[in-house]
Amino acid sequence: MPLPPRSKPRRPAARPTGPRRPPKAPPAEPRLILFNKPFDVLTQFSDDQGRATLKDFIDLPGIYPAGRLDRDSEGLLLLTNDGQLQARIADPRHKLPKTYWVQVEGEPSAEQLQRLRQGVELNDGMTLPAEARPLDEPTLWPRNPPVRFRKSVPTAWLELVIREGRNRQVRRMTAAVGLPTLRLVRVRIGDWTLDGLEQGCWREVPAKL
């Protein structure tokens, strides 16, 4: 009986010619930057209208703000190159406490402070309860331009702690109880503070939440 024909050995597949793809770069180490934002600076790195931005103060590649701080507000802003850390800081679901020193027009009454503590009805719904207490005038850098005061109306300082991130929330809360905000400075986010950080300056800290 004839033997079956032997199959021919397969040739190994030819390797593709051309340049090899470079290996992927390892992920960048997480970085976290604390910045003391001055008044009238946008919380972004570019602006087509020539206004002051973060680029005028921070020259670091690949970092982005974790949350926002209004142009007319001052104080602590966090920036990072880590998307997960950025989301955990900025996402209001994590209810990271944010502490503000607020100069208001008028002298806060016990009733007004209690309304802030209980939550205030705004046009986008009721706010969460806040911590609110009178504050002796803090030692801060001078604002440029200075706050405009009405000589016939007294002013006072409050410390407010909120756990939300609605648009212009602190200003709307104080206005809703009859205390318009004149100056707003964020001094703490979670465990990070402005301590020892001059206006317009930044420092790097361990990227841990």
N, C-alpha and C. Protein backbone atom coordinates (compact mmCIF):
# COMPACT_ATOMS: atom_id res chain seq x y z
N MET A 1 0.88 -1.19 0.00
CA MET A 1 0.00 0.00 0.00
C MET A 1 0.90 1.22 0.00
N PRO A 2 0.69 2.14 -0.94
CA PRO A 2 1.60 3.31 -1.03
C PRO A 2 1.44 4.21 0.18
N LEU A 3 2.57 4.80 0.61
CA LEU A 3 2.56 5.74 1.73
C LEU A 3 1.96 7.07 1.28
N PRO A 4 1.25 7.77 2.18
CA PRO A 4 0.72 9.10 1.80
C PRO A 4 1.85 10.09 1.58
N PRO A 5 1.65 11.02 0.67
CA PRO A 5 2.72 12.00 0.41
C PRO A 5 2.99 12.84 1.64
N ARG A 6 4.24 13.13 1.86
CA ARG A 6 4.61 13.97 2.99
C ARG A 6 4.22 15.42 2.71
N SER A 7 3.68 16.06 3.78
CA SER A 7 3.34 17.49 3.62
C SER A 7 4.62 18.31 3.72
N LYS A 8 4.65 19.34 2.95
CA LYS A 8 5.83 20.22 2.94
C LYS A 8 5.85 21.05 4.22
N PRO A 9 7.02 21.18 4.84
CA PRO A 9 7.07 22.02 6.06
C PRO A 9 6.72 23.47 5.74
N ARG A 10 5.94 24.05 6.64
CA ARG A 10 5.54 25.45 6.42
C ARG A 10 6.70 26.38 6.71
N ARG A 11 6.80 27.35 5.89
CA ARG A 11 7.82 28.38 6.13
C ARG A 11 7.31 29.36 7.18
N PRO A 12 8.20 29.76 8.04
CA PRO A 12 7.74 30.77 9.03
C PRO A 12 7.28 32.04 8.33
N ALA A 13 6.23 32.63 8.89
CA ALA A 13 5.70 33.86 8.29
C ALA A 13 6.76 34.94 8.28
N ALA A 14 6.80 35.66 7.20
CA ALA A 14 7.78 36.72 7.06
C ALA A 14 7.45 37.85 8.03
N ARG A 15 8.45 38.32 8.69
CA ARG A 15 8.24 39.45 9.60
C ARG A 15 8.03 40.72 8.80
N PRO A 16 7.10 41.54 9.26
CA PRO A 16 6.86 42.78 8.50
C PRO A 16 8.10 43.66 8.52
N THR A 17 8.33 44.22 7.38
CA THR A 17 9.47 45.13 7.27
C THR A 17 9.03 46.54 7.63
N GLY A 18 9.98 47.40 7.83
CA GLY A 18 9.66 48.78 8.16
C GLY A 18 10.05 49.10 9.59
N PRO A 19 9.94 50.35 9.95
CA PRO A 19 10.37 50.77 11.29
C PRO A 19 9.48 50.18 12.37
N ARG A 20 10.10 49.78 13.47
CA ARG A 20 9.33 49.26 14.60
C ARG A 20 8.73 50.42 15.41
N ARG A 21 7.57 50.15 15.99
CA ARG A 21 6.95 51.17 16.85
C ARG A 21 7.77 51.31 18.13
N PRO A 22 8.01 52.53 18.53
CA PRO A 22 8.76 52.70 19.78
C PRO A 22 7.92 52.21 20.95
N PRO A 23 8.54 51.68 21.98
CA PRO A 23 7.77 51.22 23.15
C PRO A 23 7.04 52.39 23.80
N LYS A 24 5.89 52.08 24.37
CA LYS A 24 5.11 53.13 25.02
C LYS A 24 5.86 53.67 26.24
N ALA A 25 5.79 54.97 26.38
CA ALA A 25 6.44 55.59 27.54
C ALA A 25 5.68 55.22 28.81
N PRO A 26 6.37 55.00 29.89
CA PRO A 26 5.66 54.69 31.14
C PRO A 26 4.80 55.88 31.56
N PRO A 27 3.68 55.62 32.23
CA PRO A 27 2.82 56.74 32.65
C PRO A 27 3.56 57.70 33.57
N ALA A 28 3.23 58.98 33.40
CA ALA A 28 3.90 60.00 34.21
C ALA A 28 3.51 59.83 35.67
N GLU A 29 4.45 60.15 36.54
CA GLU A 29 4.17 60.11 37.97
C GLU A 29 3.10 61.16 38.30
N PRO A 30 2.12 60.80 39.13
CA PRO A 30 1.10 61.79 39.51
C PRO A 30 1.74 63.00 40.18
N ARG A 31 1.25 64.17 39.83
CA ARG A 31 1.73 65.41 40.43
C ARG A 31 0.53 66.20 40.94
N LEU A 32 0.75 66.93 42.02
CA LEU A 32 -0.30 67.78 42.59
C LEU A 32 0.31 69.12 42.95
N ILE A 33 -0.30 70.17 42.43
CA ILE A 33 0.20 71.53 42.60
C ILE A 33 -0.82 72.35 43.38
N LEU A 34 -0.35 73.09 44.39
CA LEU A 34 -1.17 74.05 45.11
C LEU A 34 -0.81 75.44 44.61
N PHE A 35 -1.81 76.21 44.20
CA PHE A 35 -1.58 77.54 43.63
C PHE A 35 -2.47 78.55 44.33
N ASN A 36 -1.89 79.70 44.69
CA ASN A 36 -2.65 80.79 45.29
C ASN A 36 -3.04 81.75 44.16
N LYS A 37 -4.24 81.58 43.64
CA LYS A 37 -4.69 82.34 42.47
C LYS A 37 -5.03 83.78 42.84
N PRO A 38 -4.45 84.73 42.12
CA PRO A 38 -4.83 86.12 42.36
C PRO A 38 -6.20 86.46 41.78
N PHE A 39 -6.72 87.59 42.21
CA PHE A 39 -7.95 88.15 41.64
C PHE A 39 -7.75 88.43 40.15
N ASP A 40 -8.80 88.26 39.36
CA ASP A 40 -8.82 88.61 37.93
C ASP A 40 -7.96 87.68 37.07
N VAL A 41 -7.73 86.46 37.53
CA VAL A 41 -6.99 85.46 36.75
C VAL A 41 -7.95 84.33 36.40
N LEU A 42 -8.00 83.94 35.13
CA LEU A 42 -8.87 82.86 34.70
C LEU A 42 -8.29 81.51 35.09
N THR A 43 -9.17 80.57 35.42
CA THR A 43 -8.73 79.23 35.80
C THR A 43 -8.58 78.37 34.55
N GLN A 44 -7.71 78.78 33.66
CA GLN A 44 -7.40 78.07 32.43
C GLN A 44 -6.04 78.56 31.94
N PHE A 45 -5.49 77.85 30.94
CA PHE A 45 -4.13 78.15 30.51
C PHE A 45 -4.06 78.98 29.23
N SER A 46 -5.18 79.33 28.63
CA SER A 46 -5.16 80.17 27.43
C SER A 46 -6.43 80.99 27.38
N ASP A 47 -6.35 82.10 26.67
CA ASP A 47 -7.51 82.97 26.52
C ASP A 47 -7.31 83.80 25.27
N ASP A 48 -8.32 83.80 24.39
CA ASP A 48 -8.19 84.53 23.12
C ASP A 48 -8.48 86.01 23.27
N GLN A 49 -8.78 86.46 24.49
CA GLN A 49 -9.04 87.88 24.71
C GLN A 49 -7.90 88.57 25.46
N GLY A 50 -6.82 87.84 25.68
CA GLY A 50 -5.65 88.46 26.30
C GLY A 50 -5.74 88.67 27.79
N ARG A 51 -6.68 87.97 28.44
CA ARG A 51 -6.81 88.12 29.89
C ARG A 51 -5.79 87.24 30.60
N ALA A 52 -5.52 87.56 31.87
CA ALA A 52 -4.54 86.79 32.64
C ALA A 52 -5.04 85.37 32.84
N THR A 53 -4.13 84.38 32.69
CA THR A 53 -4.47 82.98 32.87
C THR A 53 -3.42 82.31 33.75
N LEU A 54 -3.62 81.02 34.00
CA LEU A 54 -2.67 80.25 34.80
C LEU A 54 -1.29 80.20 34.15
N LYS A 55 -1.25 80.32 32.83
CA LYS A 55 0.03 80.25 32.12
C LYS A 55 0.96 81.39 32.53
N ASP A 56 0.40 82.48 33.00
CA ASP A 56 1.22 83.62 33.44
C ASP A 56 1.95 83.34 34.75
N PHE A 57 1.58 82.24 35.42
CA PHE A 57 2.15 81.95 36.74
C PHE A 57 2.78 80.56 36.84
N ILE A 58 2.28 79.60 36.05
CA ILE A 58 2.71 78.21 36.18
C ILE A 58 3.22 77.72 34.83
N ASP A 59 4.47 77.28 34.78
CA ASP A 59 5.07 76.77 33.55
C ASP A 59 5.41 75.29 33.74
N LEU A 60 4.37 74.48 33.83
CA LEU A 60 4.54 73.04 33.99
C LEU A 60 3.70 72.34 32.92
N PRO A 61 4.27 71.41 32.17
CA PRO A 61 3.49 70.73 31.12
C PRO A 61 2.56 69.67 31.69
N GLY A 62 1.41 69.52 31.05
CA GLY A 62 0.54 68.39 31.33
C GLY A 62 -0.28 68.44 32.59
N ILE A 63 -0.40 69.59 33.24
CA ILE A 63 -1.24 69.68 34.43
C ILE A 63 -2.49 70.51 34.14
N TYR A 64 -3.55 70.19 34.86
CA TYR A 64 -4.83 70.85 34.61
C TYR A 64 -5.52 71.12 35.94
N PRO A 65 -6.37 72.16 35.98
CA PRO A 65 -7.07 72.47 37.24
C PRO A 65 -7.99 71.33 37.66
N ALA A 66 -8.01 71.04 38.94
CA ALA A 66 -8.96 70.09 39.53
C ALA A 66 -10.06 70.92 40.18
N GLY A 67 -11.07 71.24 39.41
CA GLY A 67 -12.09 72.17 39.87
C GLY A 67 -11.81 73.57 39.36
N ARG A 68 -12.66 74.50 39.75
CA ARG A 68 -12.54 75.86 39.26
C ARG A 68 -12.55 76.85 40.42
N LEU A 69 -12.13 78.06 40.10
CA LEU A 69 -12.23 79.19 41.02
C LEU A 69 -12.51 80.40 40.15
N ASP A 70 -13.61 81.09 40.45
CA ASP A 70 -14.05 82.17 39.58
C ASP A 70 -12.96 83.22 39.38
N ARG A 71 -13.05 83.89 38.26
CA ARG A 71 -12.07 84.94 37.93
C ARG A 71 -12.00 86.00 39.02
N ASP A 72 -13.15 86.34 39.63
CA ASP A 72 -13.17 87.39 40.64
C ASP A 72 -13.01 86.85 42.06
N SER A 73 -12.60 85.59 42.18
CA SER A 73 -12.30 85.01 43.48
C SER A 73 -10.80 84.74 43.58
N GLU A 74 -10.32 84.57 44.79
CA GLU A 74 -8.88 84.39 45.03
C GLU A 74 -8.65 83.12 45.84
N GLY A 75 -7.37 82.73 45.90
CA GLY A 75 -7.01 81.69 46.83
C GLY A 75 -6.67 80.36 46.22
N LEU A 76 -6.93 79.30 46.99
CA LEU A 76 -6.38 77.98 46.70
C LEU A 76 -7.03 77.33 45.47
N LEU A 77 -6.15 76.90 44.56
CA LEU A 77 -6.55 76.13 43.38
C LEU A 77 -5.62 74.93 43.29
N LEU A 78 -6.19 73.75 43.06
CA LEU A 78 -5.39 72.53 42.91
C LEU A 78 -5.27 72.18 41.43
N LEU A 79 -4.08 71.72 41.03
CA LEU A 79 -3.85 71.29 39.66
C LEU A 79 -3.12 69.95 39.69
N THR A 80 -3.40 69.11 38.71
CA THR A 80 -2.78 67.79 38.68
C THR A 80 -2.68 67.29 37.25
N ASN A 81 -1.81 66.30 37.03
CA ASN A 81 -1.71 65.63 35.73
C ASN A 81 -2.41 64.28 35.76
N ASP A 82 -3.05 63.94 36.86
CA ASP A 82 -3.66 62.63 37.06
C ASP A 82 -5.18 62.75 36.95
N GLY A 83 -5.75 62.10 35.93
CA GLY A 83 -7.18 62.23 35.69
C GLY A 83 -8.05 61.71 36.82
N GLN A 84 -7.65 60.60 37.43
CA GLN A 84 -8.44 60.06 38.53
C GLN A 84 -8.41 60.98 39.74
N LEU A 85 -7.25 61.51 40.04
CA LEU A 85 -7.14 62.44 41.18
C LEU A 85 -7.93 63.71 40.89
N GLN A 86 -7.84 64.19 39.66
CA GLN A 86 -8.59 65.38 39.27
C GLN A 86 -10.09 65.16 39.48
N ALA A 87 -10.60 64.00 39.07
CA ALA A 87 -12.03 63.72 39.21
C ALA A 87 -12.43 63.62 40.67
N ARG A 88 -11.59 62.99 41.49
CA ARG A 88 -11.95 62.81 42.90
C ARG A 88 -11.97 64.15 43.64
N ILE A 89 -11.11 65.07 43.23
CA ILE A 89 -11.09 66.39 43.86
C ILE A 89 -12.27 67.24 43.40
N ALA A 90 -12.55 67.20 42.09
CA ALA A 90 -13.53 68.11 41.52
C ALA A 90 -14.96 67.60 41.60
N ASP A 91 -15.16 66.28 41.64
CA ASP A 91 -16.50 65.73 41.59
C ASP A 91 -17.23 66.00 42.90
N PRO A 92 -18.37 66.72 42.83
CA PRO A 92 -19.09 67.04 44.08
C PRO A 92 -19.63 65.81 44.80
N ARG A 93 -19.67 64.65 44.14
CA ARG A 93 -20.16 63.44 44.81
C ARG A 93 -19.25 63.05 45.98
N HIS A 94 -17.98 63.45 45.90
CA HIS A 94 -17.05 63.11 46.98
C HIS A 94 -17.16 64.08 48.16
N LYS A 95 -17.90 65.20 47.96
CA LYS A 95 -18.19 66.15 49.04
C LYS A 95 -16.94 66.57 49.80
N LEU A 96 -15.89 66.89 49.05
CA LEU A 96 -14.66 67.36 49.67
C LEU A 96 -14.91 68.76 50.23
N PRO A 97 -14.71 68.99 51.53
CA PRO A 97 -15.02 70.31 52.10
C PRO A 97 -14.11 71.40 51.54
N LYS A 98 -14.70 72.54 51.25
CA LYS A 98 -13.96 73.70 50.75
C LYS A 98 -14.25 74.86 51.69
N THR A 99 -13.18 75.49 52.19
CA THR A 99 -13.32 76.56 53.17
C THR A 99 -13.02 77.90 52.53
N TYR A 100 -13.92 78.86 52.76
CA TYR A 100 -13.80 80.20 52.19
C TYR A 100 -13.83 81.24 53.29
N TRP A 101 -13.04 82.29 53.10
CA TRP A 101 -13.16 83.49 53.90
C TRP A 101 -13.87 84.52 53.04
N VAL A 102 -14.98 85.03 53.54
CA VAL A 102 -15.87 85.86 52.73
C VAL A 102 -16.07 87.20 53.40
N GLN A 103 -15.74 88.26 52.71
CA GLN A 103 -16.05 89.60 53.20
C GLN A 103 -17.40 89.99 52.62
N VAL A 104 -18.35 90.32 53.50
CA VAL A 104 -19.71 90.62 53.07
C VAL A 104 -20.07 92.04 53.44
N GLU A 105 -21.08 92.53 52.75
CA GLU A 105 -21.62 93.85 53.05
C GLU A 105 -22.74 93.68 54.07
N GLY A 106 -22.59 94.35 55.20
CA GLY A 106 -23.57 94.22 56.27
C GLY A 106 -22.98 93.47 57.45
N GLU A 107 -23.72 93.45 58.53
CA GLU A 107 -23.31 92.75 59.74
C GLU A 107 -24.20 91.52 59.92
N PRO A 108 -23.64 90.32 59.81
CA PRO A 108 -24.46 89.11 59.86
C PRO A 108 -25.19 88.96 61.19
N SER A 109 -26.44 88.65 61.13
CA SER A 109 -27.23 88.37 62.34
C SER A 109 -27.20 86.87 62.62
N ALA A 110 -27.62 86.50 63.81
CA ALA A 110 -27.71 85.08 64.16
C ALA A 110 -28.66 84.35 63.22
N GLU A 111 -29.74 85.01 62.82
CA GLU A 111 -30.70 84.39 61.91
C GLU A 111 -30.08 84.13 60.54
N GLN A 112 -29.31 85.09 60.02
CA GLN A 112 -28.68 84.91 58.72
C GLN A 112 -27.65 83.78 58.75
N LEU A 113 -26.88 83.70 59.82
CA LEU A 113 -25.91 82.61 59.94
C LEU A 113 -26.61 81.26 60.01
N GLN A 114 -27.73 81.22 60.71
CA GLN A 114 -28.46 79.96 60.84
C GLN A 114 -29.03 79.52 59.49
N ARG A 115 -29.46 80.46 58.68
CA ARG A 115 -29.98 80.12 57.35
C ARG A 115 -28.87 79.51 56.50
N LEU A 116 -27.66 80.06 56.58
CA LEU A 116 -26.55 79.49 55.83
C LEU A 116 -26.24 78.07 56.32
N ARG A 117 -26.33 77.87 57.64
CA ARG A 117 -26.02 76.55 58.20
C ARG A 117 -27.06 75.50 57.81
N GLN A 118 -28.28 75.92 57.66
CA GLN A 118 -29.35 74.98 57.35
C GLN A 118 -29.44 74.66 55.87
N GLY A 119 -28.90 75.53 55.02
CA GLY A 119 -29.08 75.39 53.58
C GLY A 119 -29.95 76.52 53.05
N VAL A 120 -29.60 77.00 51.87
CA VAL A 120 -30.27 78.17 51.30
C VAL A 120 -30.94 77.76 50.00
N GLU A 121 -32.15 78.25 49.79
CA GLU A 121 -32.87 77.99 48.55
C GLU A 121 -32.34 78.92 47.46
N LEU A 122 -31.74 78.32 46.40
CA LEU A 122 -31.25 79.08 45.25
C LEU A 122 -32.10 78.74 44.04
N ASN A 123 -31.85 79.40 42.92
CA ASN A 123 -32.67 79.13 41.74
C ASN A 123 -32.43 77.74 41.15
N ASP A 124 -31.37 77.05 41.58
CA ASP A 124 -31.14 75.68 41.13
C ASP A 124 -31.32 74.67 42.27
N GLY A 125 -32.09 75.07 43.28
CA GLY A 125 -32.43 74.15 44.35
C GLY A 125 -31.79 74.51 45.68
N MET A 126 -32.12 73.74 46.68
CA MET A 126 -31.63 73.97 48.03
C MET A 126 -30.18 73.50 48.15
N THR A 127 -29.35 74.32 48.80
CA THR A 127 -27.96 73.91 49.02
C THR A 127 -27.89 72.95 50.20
N LEU A 128 -26.80 72.23 50.28
CA LEU A 128 -26.54 71.41 51.46
C LEU A 128 -26.23 72.33 52.64
N PRO A 129 -26.44 71.87 53.85
CA PRO A 129 -26.05 72.69 55.01
C PRO A 129 -24.57 73.05 54.95
N ALA A 130 -24.25 74.26 55.39
CA ALA A 130 -22.87 74.74 55.39
C ALA A 130 -22.44 75.02 56.82
N GLU A 131 -21.15 75.08 57.02
CA GLU A 131 -20.63 75.59 58.28
C GLU A 131 -20.41 77.09 58.10
N ALA A 132 -20.91 77.88 59.03
CA ALA A 132 -20.81 79.33 58.91
C ALA A 132 -20.53 79.93 60.28
N ARG A 133 -19.53 80.80 60.34
CA ARG A 133 -19.23 81.46 61.61
C ARG A 133 -18.61 82.82 61.33
N PRO A 134 -18.81 83.79 62.24
CA PRO A 134 -18.14 85.08 62.09
C PRO A 134 -16.63 84.91 62.18
N LEU A 135 -15.91 85.80 61.52
CA LEU A 135 -14.45 85.70 61.46
C LEU A 135 -13.85 87.08 61.69
N ASP A 136 -12.86 87.16 62.58
CA ASP A 136 -12.12 88.41 62.70
C ASP A 136 -11.43 88.70 61.37
N GLU A 137 -11.26 89.97 61.07
CA GLU A 137 -10.66 90.32 59.77
C GLU A 137 -9.30 89.62 59.61
N PRO A 138 -9.16 88.76 58.59
CA PRO A 138 -7.91 88.01 58.45
C PRO A 138 -6.80 88.88 57.85
N THR A 139 -5.57 88.46 58.08
CA THR A 139 -4.42 89.13 57.47
C THR A 139 -4.20 88.53 56.08
N LEU A 140 -4.51 89.31 55.07
CA LEU A 140 -4.39 88.85 53.69
C LEU A 140 -3.57 89.84 52.87
N TRP A 141 -3.11 89.40 51.73
CA TRP A 141 -2.47 90.28 50.77
C TRP A 141 -3.49 91.32 50.28
N PRO A 142 -3.06 92.51 49.89
CA PRO A 142 -4.01 93.48 49.35
C PRO A 142 -4.54 93.03 48.00
N ARG A 143 -5.82 93.25 47.77
CA ARG A 143 -6.40 92.87 46.49
C ARG A 143 -6.15 93.97 45.47
N ASN A 144 -5.88 93.56 44.24
CA ASN A 144 -5.64 94.52 43.15
C ASN A 144 -6.59 94.19 41.99
N PRO A 145 -7.58 95.09 41.74
CA PRO A 145 -7.85 96.37 42.38
C PRO A 145 -8.52 96.19 43.74
N PRO A 146 -8.48 97.23 44.58
CA PRO A 146 -9.09 97.12 45.91
C PRO A 146 -10.60 96.92 45.82
N VAL A 147 -11.17 96.38 46.87
CA VAL A 147 -12.62 96.22 46.96
C VAL A 147 -13.28 97.59 47.06
N ARG A 148 -14.40 97.74 46.38
CA ARG A 148 -15.15 99.00 46.46
C ARG A 148 -16.14 98.91 47.62
N PHE A 149 -16.01 99.83 48.54
CA PHE A 149 -16.88 99.86 49.71
C PHE A 149 -17.86 101.01 49.60
N ARG A 150 -19.00 100.84 50.29
CA ARG A 150 -19.91 101.96 50.49
C ARG A 150 -19.68 102.47 51.91
N LYS A 151 -19.29 103.70 52.04
CA LYS A 151 -18.90 104.23 53.35
C LYS A 151 -20.01 104.13 54.38
N SER A 152 -21.25 104.16 53.91
CA SER A 152 -22.37 104.16 54.86
C SER A 152 -22.78 102.75 55.29
N VAL A 153 -22.15 101.71 54.72
CA VAL A 153 -22.56 100.33 55.01
C VAL A 153 -21.38 99.59 55.63
N PRO A 154 -21.57 98.99 56.81
CA PRO A 154 -20.47 98.24 57.43
C PRO A 154 -20.21 96.93 56.68
N THR A 155 -19.03 96.37 56.91
CA THR A 155 -18.69 95.08 56.31
C THR A 155 -18.24 94.12 57.42
N ALA A 156 -18.22 92.84 57.09
CA ALA A 156 -17.82 91.82 58.05
C ALA A 156 -17.22 90.64 57.29
N TRP A 157 -16.52 89.78 58.03
CA TRP A 157 -15.94 88.57 57.46
C TRP A 157 -16.62 87.34 58.03
N LEU A 158 -16.81 86.35 57.17
CA LEU A 158 -17.36 85.06 57.56
C LEU A 158 -16.42 83.95 57.09
N GLU A 159 -16.46 82.83 57.80
CA GLU A 159 -15.85 81.60 57.30
C GLU A 159 -16.97 80.66 56.92
N LEU A 160 -16.97 80.22 55.66
CA LEU A 160 -17.98 79.29 55.17
C LEU A 160 -17.31 78.02 54.68
N VAL A 161 -17.87 76.88 55.06
CA VAL A 161 -17.38 75.58 54.58
C VAL A 161 -18.53 74.92 53.84
N ILE A 162 -18.33 74.62 52.56
CA ILE A 162 -19.36 73.97 51.76
C ILE A 162 -18.80 72.67 51.19
N ARG A 163 -19.70 71.79 50.76
CA ARG A 163 -19.31 70.49 50.21
C ARG A 163 -19.95 70.27 48.84
N GLU A 164 -20.20 71.36 48.16
CA GLU A 164 -20.74 71.29 46.80
C GLU A 164 -19.84 72.13 45.90
N GLY A 165 -20.20 72.17 44.62
CA GLY A 165 -19.41 72.96 43.68
C GLY A 165 -20.27 73.66 42.64
N ARG A 166 -21.38 74.21 43.08
CA ARG A 166 -22.25 74.91 42.12
C ARG A 166 -21.59 76.20 41.65
N ASN A 167 -22.05 76.67 40.49
CA ASN A 167 -21.50 77.89 39.93
C ASN A 167 -21.75 79.07 40.86
N ARG A 168 -20.67 79.73 41.26
CA ARG A 168 -20.73 80.94 42.09
C ARG A 168 -21.59 80.73 43.34
N GLN A 169 -21.45 79.56 43.93
CA GLN A 169 -22.36 79.16 45.00
C GLN A 169 -22.25 80.04 46.24
N VAL A 170 -21.03 80.31 46.70
CA VAL A 170 -20.89 81.09 47.93
C VAL A 170 -21.47 82.49 47.75
N ARG A 171 -21.20 83.12 46.63
CA ARG A 171 -21.74 84.46 46.38
C ARG A 171 -23.27 84.43 46.36
N ARG A 172 -23.83 83.41 45.76
CA ARG A 172 -25.29 83.33 45.69
C ARG A 172 -25.90 83.03 47.05
N MET A 173 -25.20 82.23 47.85
CA MET A 173 -25.72 81.93 49.19
C MET A 173 -25.75 83.17 50.07
N THR A 174 -24.64 83.92 50.09
CA THR A 174 -24.63 85.10 50.96
C THR A 174 -25.62 86.15 50.47
N ALA A 175 -25.76 86.29 49.14
CA ALA A 175 -26.73 87.25 48.61
C ALA A 175 -28.16 86.84 48.99
N ALA A 176 -28.42 85.53 48.99
CA ALA A 176 -29.77 85.05 49.29
C ALA A 176 -30.20 85.36 50.72
N VAL A 177 -29.22 85.51 51.63
CA VAL A 177 -29.58 85.83 53.02
C VAL A 177 -29.36 87.32 53.32
N GLY A 178 -29.12 88.12 52.27
CA GLY A 178 -29.00 89.57 52.45
C GLY A 178 -27.63 90.06 52.80
N LEU A 179 -26.58 89.29 52.43
CA LEU A 179 -25.20 89.68 52.73
C LEU A 179 -24.35 89.58 51.44
N PRO A 180 -24.41 90.57 50.58
CA PRO A 180 -23.67 90.49 49.32
C PRO A 180 -22.17 90.32 49.56
N THR A 181 -21.54 89.46 48.78
CA THR A 181 -20.11 89.21 48.90
C THR A 181 -19.31 90.33 48.24
N LEU A 182 -18.31 90.84 48.96
CA LEU A 182 -17.39 91.83 48.43
C LEU A 182 -16.05 91.21 48.02
N ARG A 183 -15.59 90.26 48.81
CA ARG A 183 -14.31 89.60 48.53
C ARG A 183 -14.43 88.14 48.94
N LEU A 184 -13.87 87.26 48.11
CA LEU A 184 -14.00 85.82 48.36
C LEU A 184 -12.64 85.16 48.17
N VAL A 185 -12.18 84.49 49.23
CA VAL A 185 -10.86 83.85 49.23
C VAL A 185 -11.03 82.40 49.68
N ARG A 186 -10.63 81.44 48.84
CA ARG A 186 -10.67 80.04 49.25
C ARG A 186 -9.35 79.71 49.93
N VAL A 187 -9.43 79.20 51.15
CA VAL A 187 -8.22 78.97 51.94
C VAL A 187 -7.92 77.49 52.16
N ARG A 188 -8.88 76.60 51.90
CA ARG A 188 -8.65 75.18 52.16
C ARG A 188 -9.54 74.34 51.24
N ILE A 189 -8.98 73.22 50.77
CA ILE A 189 -9.74 72.17 50.07
C ILE A 189 -9.32 70.86 50.71
N GLY A 190 -10.24 70.21 51.39
CA GLY A 190 -9.87 68.99 52.12
C GLY A 190 -8.79 69.31 53.15
N ASP A 191 -7.65 68.62 53.04
CA ASP A 191 -6.54 68.85 53.97
C ASP A 191 -5.50 69.82 53.41
N TRP A 192 -5.69 70.31 52.19
CA TRP A 192 -4.71 71.22 51.58
C TRP A 192 -5.09 72.67 51.90
N THR A 193 -4.10 73.47 52.27
CA THR A 193 -4.36 74.85 52.67
C THR A 193 -3.41 75.81 51.98
N LEU A 194 -3.71 77.09 52.16
CA LEU A 194 -2.87 78.17 51.63
C LEU A 194 -1.69 78.49 52.53
N ASP A 195 -1.56 77.83 53.64
CA ASP A 195 -0.55 78.20 54.64
C ASP A 195 0.83 78.34 53.99
N GLY A 196 1.44 79.53 54.18
CA GLY A 196 2.79 79.77 53.69
C GLY A 196 2.91 79.98 52.20
N LEU A 197 1.80 80.12 51.50
CA LEU A 197 1.84 80.26 50.04
C LEU A 197 1.45 81.68 49.66
N GLU A 198 2.41 82.43 49.12
CA GLU A 198 2.16 83.82 48.76
C GLU A 198 1.25 83.89 47.52
N GLN A 199 0.59 85.03 47.37
CA GLN A 199 -0.28 85.23 46.21
C GLN A 199 0.52 85.09 44.92
N GLY A 200 -0.05 84.35 43.95
CA GLY A 200 0.60 84.17 42.66
C GLY A 200 1.69 83.11 42.66
N CYS A 201 1.89 82.42 43.78
CA CYS A 201 2.93 81.39 43.88
C CYS A 201 2.31 80.00 43.97
N TRP A 202 3.13 78.97 43.67
CA TRP A 202 2.65 77.59 43.74
C TRP A 202 3.73 76.71 44.38
N ARG A 203 3.30 75.56 44.86
CA ARG A 203 4.24 74.55 45.35
C ARG A 203 3.68 73.17 45.08
N GLU A 204 4.57 72.20 44.98
CA GLU A 204 4.16 70.83 44.71
C GLU A 204 4.10 70.06 46.02
N VAL A 205 3.08 69.21 46.14
CA VAL A 205 2.89 68.39 47.34
C VAL A 205 2.65 66.95 46.89
N PRO A 206 2.74 65.96 47.80
CA PRO A 206 2.47 64.57 47.41
C PRO A 206 1.08 64.43 46.82
N ALA A 207 0.99 63.68 45.73
CA ALA A 207 -0.28 63.52 45.01
C ALA A 207 -1.13 62.43 45.65
N LYS A 208 -1.65 62.73 46.84
CA LYS A 208 -2.49 61.79 47.57
C LYS A 208 -3.74 62.51 48.05
N LEU A 209 -4.85 61.79 48.01
CA LEU A 209 -6.11 62.35 48.47
C LEU A 209 -6.43 61.82 49.86
